Amino acid sequence: MSTNTFIANTFVNLFLHPVRQQLKSLKIEDYKFARLLCQIIPASCPFEREIKLCKRTILYIPPLCKLNPFYEQLVELRFRALTYLADCHGEDVTIYC
């Protein structure tokens, strides 16, 4: 790894790490907030597409969610919100899947 790449990665992580920690430390203790998170954060990546012509794939667009630096933290936050709704309020969470 070159020095420039190392410095760039360190610089990016310096700014992303506090936001990641903030997302990880969010407590789900409010019913309305939990429902909002489940509605806003998608259950699956909505951007993956295959464009076909005569049953042949001519263009494949990969899931762009993996490029999001906060993807793992958002999925974890959504899971915690779903768990809160199911465990604490007995809500049927299949409507969010």
Protein backbone atom coordinates (compact mmCIF):
# COMPACT_ATOMS: atom_id res chain seq x y z
CA MET A 1 0.00 0.00 0.00
CA SER A 2 1.43 3.36 -0.94
CA THR A 3 1.83 6.18 1.54
CA ASN A 4 -0.78 8.33 -0.25
CA THR A 5 -3.37 5.55 -0.08
CA PHE A 6 -2.65 5.01 3.61
CA ILE A 7 -3.02 8.73 4.36
CA ALA A 8 -6.27 8.92 2.36
CA ASN A 9 -7.75 5.90 4.19
CA THR A 10 -6.71 7.32 7.57
CA PHE A 11 -8.20 10.70 6.69
CA VAL A 12 -11.52 9.18 5.60
CA ASN A 13 -11.74 6.90 8.65
CA LEU A 14 -10.99 9.84 10.92
CA PHE A 15 -14.20 11.53 9.75
CA LEU A 16 -16.36 8.42 9.33
CA HIS A 17 -15.56 6.73 12.64
CA PRO A 18 -17.46 9.22 14.89
CA VAL A 19 -20.61 8.91 12.74
CA ARG A 20 -20.35 5.11 12.81
CA GLN A 21 -19.99 5.16 16.58
CA GLN A 22 -22.98 7.50 16.89
CA LEU A 23 -25.15 5.14 14.82
CA LYS A 24 -24.01 2.15 16.88
CA SER A 25 -24.75 3.89 20.17
CA LEU A 26 -28.31 5.00 19.29
CA LYS A 27 -30.76 3.52 21.76
CA ILE A 28 -34.13 2.39 20.47
CA GLU A 29 -36.54 3.25 23.28
CA ASP A 30 -39.36 5.03 21.47
CA TYR A 31 -42.12 3.27 19.53
CA LYS A 32 -42.56 6.01 16.92
CA PHE A 33 -38.80 6.33 16.36
CA ALA A 34 -38.46 2.56 15.90
CA ARG A 35 -41.30 2.49 13.36
CA LEU A 36 -39.79 5.46 11.49
CA LEU A 37 -36.42 3.69 11.25
CA CYS A 38 -38.07 0.53 9.92
CA GLN A 39 -39.93 2.53 7.29
CA ILE A 40 -36.98 4.69 6.20
CA ILE A 41 -34.17 2.10 6.10
CA PRO A 42 -34.92 -0.41 3.31
CA ALA A 43 -34.90 -4.14 4.03
CA SER A 44 -32.84 -4.83 0.92
CA CYS A 45 -30.69 -2.83 -1.41
CA PRO A 46 -33.06 -1.17 -3.89
CA PHE A 47 -30.51 -0.34 -6.57
CA GLU A 48 -29.38 -3.71 -7.91
CA ARG A 49 -30.69 -4.11 -11.46
CA GLU A 50 -30.29 -6.37 -14.44
CA ILE A 51 -31.25 -4.93 -17.79
CA LYS A 52 -32.16 -7.70 -20.19
CA LEU A 53 -32.83 -7.85 -23.90
CA CYS A 54 -34.22 -11.09 -25.34
CA LYS A 55 -33.50 -13.01 -22.11
CA ARG A 56 -29.83 -11.93 -22.15
CA THR A 57 -28.40 -9.61 -19.56
CA ILE A 58 -26.92 -6.64 -21.37
CA LEU A 59 -26.22 -4.47 -18.33
CA TYR A 60 -25.79 -5.30 -14.67
CA ILE A 61 -25.84 -2.55 -12.05
CA PRO A 62 -24.42 -3.85 -8.75
CA PRO A 63 -26.01 -3.03 -5.40
CA LEU A 64 -24.88 0.47 -4.55
CA CYS A 65 -25.64 0.04 -0.86
CA LYS A 66 -22.28 -1.67 -0.41
CA LEU A 67 -20.62 1.61 -1.40
CA ASN A 68 -22.34 3.40 1.48
CA PRO A 69 -19.77 3.71 4.29
CA PHE A 70 -22.54 3.44 6.89
CA TYR A 71 -24.34 0.45 5.36
CA GLU A 72 -23.52 -2.03 8.13
CA GLN A 73 -24.44 0.41 10.90
CA LEU A 74 -27.78 1.27 9.25
CA VAL A 75 -28.69 -2.40 8.78
CA GLU A 76 -27.82 -3.05 12.42
CA LEU A 77 -29.91 -0.04 13.53
CA ARG A 78 -32.89 -1.30 11.52
CA PHE A 79 -32.52 -4.74 13.07
CA ARG A 80 -32.47 -3.27 16.58
CA ALA A 81 -35.61 -1.26 15.78
CA LEU A 82 -37.38 -4.37 14.47
CA THR A 83 -36.35 -6.30 17.57
CA TYR A 84 -37.62 -3.52 19.82
CA LEU A 85 -41.00 -3.45 18.07
CA ALA A 86 -41.37 -7.23 18.22
CA ASP A 87 -40.11 -7.79 21.77
CA CYS A 88 -41.35 -4.72 23.62
CA HIS A 89 -44.59 -4.03 21.77
CA GLY A 90 -45.48 -7.39 20.27
CA GLU A 91 -45.88 -5.84 16.84
CA ASP A 92 -45.90 -8.00 13.73
CA VAL A 93 -42.72 -6.85 11.97
CA THR A 94 -43.33 -8.80 8.77
CA ILE A 95 -44.95 -5.67 7.32
CA TYR A 96 -41.47 -4.05 7.27
CA CYS A 97 -39.78 -6.90 5.37
